[in-house]
Amino acid sequence: MAVKQEILALLEQMPEPLQKEVADFARFLLEKKRGEELAWQALSLAQAIRGLPEEDYTEEDLKERW
């Protein structure tokens, strides 16, 4: 938690306009990380279905049968 404490200490020394910029940048970093995770998920799915024959399925085909 040393980094968190350092960030908090730095924030306390900044005027509010700079604190807002830090908050905006932190939100940007979180959105960037989420976007990268979504891109990897899409790539993983694309790789998983690569080479499968393309078939049209109906809703009935997709229902699980017991």
N, C-alpha and C. Protein backbone atom coordinates (compact mmCIF):
# COMPACT_ATOMS: atom_id res chain seq x y z
N MET A 1 0.81 -1.21 0.00
CA MET A 1 0.00 0.00 0.00
C MET A 1 0.85 1.27 0.00
N ALA A 2 2.13 1.13 -0.15
CA ALA A 2 3.01 2.30 -0.13
C ALA A 2 2.67 3.27 -1.26
N VAL A 3 2.34 2.74 -2.42
CA VAL A 3 2.01 3.60 -3.56
C VAL A 3 0.74 4.38 -3.28
N LYS A 4 -0.25 3.70 -2.72
CA LYS A 4 -1.52 4.36 -2.41
C LYS A 4 -1.29 5.51 -1.42
N GLN A 5 -0.49 5.27 -0.42
CA GLN A 5 -0.20 6.31 0.58
C GLN A 5 0.55 7.48 -0.06
N GLU A 6 1.47 7.17 -0.97
CA GLU A 6 2.22 8.23 -1.65
C GLU A 6 1.28 9.08 -2.50
N ILE A 7 0.38 8.43 -3.20
CA ILE A 7 -0.57 9.17 -4.04
C ILE A 7 -1.46 10.06 -3.18
N LEU A 8 -1.94 9.52 -2.07
CA LEU A 8 -2.78 10.32 -1.18
C LEU A 8 -2.02 11.52 -0.63
N ALA A 9 -0.75 11.30 -0.25
CA ALA A 9 0.06 12.40 0.27
C ALA A 9 0.26 13.47 -0.79
N LEU A 10 0.51 13.06 -2.02
CA LEU A 10 0.69 14.02 -3.10
C LEU A 10 -0.60 14.78 -3.38
N LEU A 11 -1.72 14.07 -3.38
CA LEU A 11 -3.00 14.72 -3.62
C LEU A 11 -3.31 15.79 -2.58
N GLU A 12 -2.96 15.51 -1.34
CA GLU A 12 -3.22 16.47 -0.27
C GLU A 12 -2.45 17.77 -0.47
N GLN A 13 -1.34 17.71 -1.18
CA GLN A 13 -0.51 18.90 -1.41
C GLN A 13 -0.99 19.70 -2.63
N MET A 14 -1.86 19.13 -3.44
CA MET A 14 -2.29 19.77 -4.67
C MET A 14 -3.54 20.60 -4.47
N PRO A 15 -3.65 21.68 -5.25
CA PRO A 15 -4.91 22.43 -5.24
C PRO A 15 -5.99 21.59 -5.92
N GLU A 16 -7.24 21.92 -5.67
CA GLU A 16 -8.35 21.13 -6.18
C GLU A 16 -8.35 20.97 -7.71
N PRO A 17 -8.02 22.00 -8.49
CA PRO A 17 -8.00 21.79 -9.95
C PRO A 17 -7.03 20.67 -10.37
N LEU A 18 -5.87 20.60 -9.72
CA LEU A 18 -4.93 19.52 -10.05
C LEU A 18 -5.45 18.17 -9.57
N GLN A 19 -6.13 18.17 -8.43
CA GLN A 19 -6.72 16.92 -7.94
C GLN A 19 -7.74 16.39 -8.95
N LYS A 20 -8.50 17.29 -9.56
CA LYS A 20 -9.49 16.88 -10.57
C LYS A 20 -8.79 16.28 -11.78
N GLU A 21 -7.64 16.86 -12.16
CA GLU A 21 -6.90 16.30 -13.30
C GLU A 21 -6.40 14.90 -12.99
N VAL A 22 -5.94 14.69 -11.76
CA VAL A 22 -5.48 13.36 -11.35
C VAL A 22 -6.65 12.37 -11.39
N ALA A 23 -7.81 12.79 -10.91
CA ALA A 23 -8.99 11.93 -10.94
C ALA A 23 -9.38 11.60 -12.37
N ASP A 24 -9.33 12.59 -13.26
CA ASP A 24 -9.65 12.34 -14.67
C ASP A 24 -8.67 11.34 -15.28
N PHE A 25 -7.40 11.50 -14.97
CA PHE A 25 -6.39 10.59 -15.51
C PHE A 25 -6.58 9.17 -14.97
N ALA A 26 -6.92 9.05 -13.69
CA ALA A 26 -7.16 7.73 -13.10
C ALA A 26 -8.36 7.05 -13.79
N ARG A 27 -9.42 7.82 -14.06
CA ARG A 27 -10.58 7.27 -14.77
C ARG A 27 -10.18 6.83 -16.19
N PHE A 28 -9.34 7.63 -16.85
CA PHE A 28 -8.86 7.28 -18.18
C PHE A 28 -8.10 5.95 -18.13
N LEU A 29 -7.22 5.79 -17.16
CA LEU A 29 -6.45 4.55 -17.05
C LEU A 29 -7.36 3.34 -16.82
N LEU A 30 -8.39 3.50 -16.00
CA LEU A 30 -9.33 2.40 -15.77
C LEU A 30 -10.08 2.03 -17.04
N GLU A 31 -10.54 3.03 -17.79
CA GLU A 31 -11.25 2.76 -19.04
C GLU A 31 -10.33 2.10 -20.06
N LYS A 32 -9.09 2.54 -20.10
CA LYS A 32 -8.11 1.94 -21.01
C LYS A 32 -7.91 0.47 -20.67
N LYS A 33 -7.77 0.17 -19.39
CA LYS A 33 -7.58 -1.22 -18.96
C LYS A 33 -8.80 -2.06 -19.32
N ARG A 34 -10.00 -1.53 -19.10
CA ARG A 34 -11.22 -2.27 -19.45
C ARG A 34 -11.29 -2.54 -20.95
N GLY A 35 -10.92 -1.54 -21.74
CA GLY A 35 -10.92 -1.70 -23.19
C GLY A 35 -9.94 -2.78 -23.63
N GLU A 36 -8.76 -2.81 -23.01
CA GLU A 36 -7.77 -3.83 -23.35
C GLU A 36 -8.28 -5.22 -22.97
N GLU A 37 -8.93 -5.32 -21.81
CA GLU A 37 -9.48 -6.61 -21.38
C GLU A 37 -10.56 -7.09 -22.35
N LEU A 38 -11.42 -6.18 -22.79
CA LEU A 38 -12.47 -6.55 -23.75
C LEU A 38 -11.86 -6.99 -25.07
N ALA A 39 -10.80 -6.32 -25.49
CA ALA A 39 -10.14 -6.69 -26.74
C ALA A 39 -9.56 -8.10 -26.64
N TRP A 40 -8.95 -8.43 -25.49
CA TRP A 40 -8.39 -9.76 -25.31
C TRP A 40 -9.49 -10.81 -25.27
N GLN A 41 -10.62 -10.47 -24.65
CA GLN A 41 -11.74 -11.42 -24.61
C GLN A 41 -12.25 -11.70 -26.02
N ALA A 42 -12.37 -10.66 -26.82
CA ALA A 42 -12.84 -10.84 -28.19
C ALA A 42 -11.85 -11.67 -28.99
N LEU A 43 -10.57 -11.41 -28.79
CA LEU A 43 -9.54 -12.18 -29.49
C LEU A 43 -9.60 -13.64 -29.06
N SER A 44 -9.76 -13.88 -27.77
CA SER A 44 -9.84 -15.26 -27.28
C SER A 44 -11.03 -15.99 -27.89
N LEU A 45 -12.15 -15.32 -27.96
CA LEU A 45 -13.34 -15.93 -28.55
C LEU A 45 -13.12 -16.21 -30.03
N ALA A 46 -12.52 -15.26 -30.71
CA ALA A 46 -12.25 -15.45 -32.14
C ALA A 46 -11.32 -16.64 -32.36
N GLN A 47 -10.32 -16.78 -31.51
CA GLN A 47 -9.40 -17.90 -31.63
C GLN A 47 -10.10 -19.22 -31.30
N ALA A 48 -11.00 -19.18 -30.34
CA ALA A 48 -11.70 -20.41 -29.93
C ALA A 48 -12.59 -20.95 -31.04
N ILE A 49 -13.19 -20.07 -31.82
CA ILE A 49 -14.12 -20.54 -32.85
C ILE A 49 -13.46 -20.61 -34.24
N ARG A 50 -12.19 -20.27 -34.29
CA ARG A 50 -11.46 -20.32 -35.57
C ARG A 50 -11.49 -21.74 -36.12
N GLY A 51 -11.79 -21.86 -37.35
CA GLY A 51 -11.79 -23.16 -38.00
C GLY A 51 -13.09 -23.94 -37.87
N LEU A 52 -14.01 -23.45 -37.08
CA LEU A 52 -15.31 -24.13 -36.99
C LEU A 52 -16.12 -23.83 -38.24
N PRO A 53 -16.88 -24.79 -38.69
CA PRO A 53 -17.70 -24.52 -39.88
C PRO A 53 -18.77 -23.48 -39.56
N GLU A 54 -19.05 -22.64 -40.53
CA GLU A 54 -20.09 -21.63 -40.34
C GLU A 54 -21.43 -22.28 -40.61
N GLU A 55 -22.27 -22.28 -39.62
CA GLU A 55 -23.60 -22.87 -39.75
C GLU A 55 -24.62 -21.90 -39.19
N ASP A 56 -25.78 -21.94 -39.74
CA ASP A 56 -26.87 -21.13 -39.22
C ASP A 56 -27.64 -21.97 -38.20
N TYR A 57 -27.81 -21.41 -37.03
CA TYR A 57 -28.54 -22.09 -35.98
C TYR A 57 -29.84 -21.35 -35.71
N THR A 58 -30.85 -22.09 -35.39
CA THR A 58 -32.12 -21.48 -34.98
C THR A 58 -32.11 -21.37 -33.47
N GLU A 59 -33.06 -20.64 -32.96
CA GLU A 59 -33.19 -20.51 -31.51
C GLU A 59 -33.43 -21.88 -30.88
N GLU A 60 -34.16 -22.71 -31.56
CA GLU A 60 -34.45 -24.06 -31.06
C GLU A 60 -33.17 -24.88 -30.93
N ASP A 61 -32.24 -24.71 -31.87
CA ASP A 61 -30.98 -25.44 -31.82
C ASP A 61 -30.16 -25.06 -30.58
N LEU A 62 -30.32 -23.83 -30.13
CA LEU A 62 -29.51 -23.33 -29.04
C LEU A 62 -30.06 -23.66 -27.66
N LYS A 63 -31.30 -24.13 -27.60
CA LYS A 63 -31.90 -24.47 -26.31
C LYS A 63 -31.31 -25.78 -25.81
N GLU A 64 -31.01 -25.79 -24.53
CA GLU A 64 -30.46 -27.00 -23.93
C GLU A 64 -31.57 -28.03 -23.76
N ARG A 65 -31.26 -29.23 -24.09
CA ARG A 65 -32.26 -30.29 -23.97
C ARG A 65 -31.88 -31.22 -22.84
N TRP A 66 -32.87 -31.63 -22.07
CA TRP A 66 -32.62 -32.52 -20.92
C TRP A 66 -33.19 -33.86 -21.19
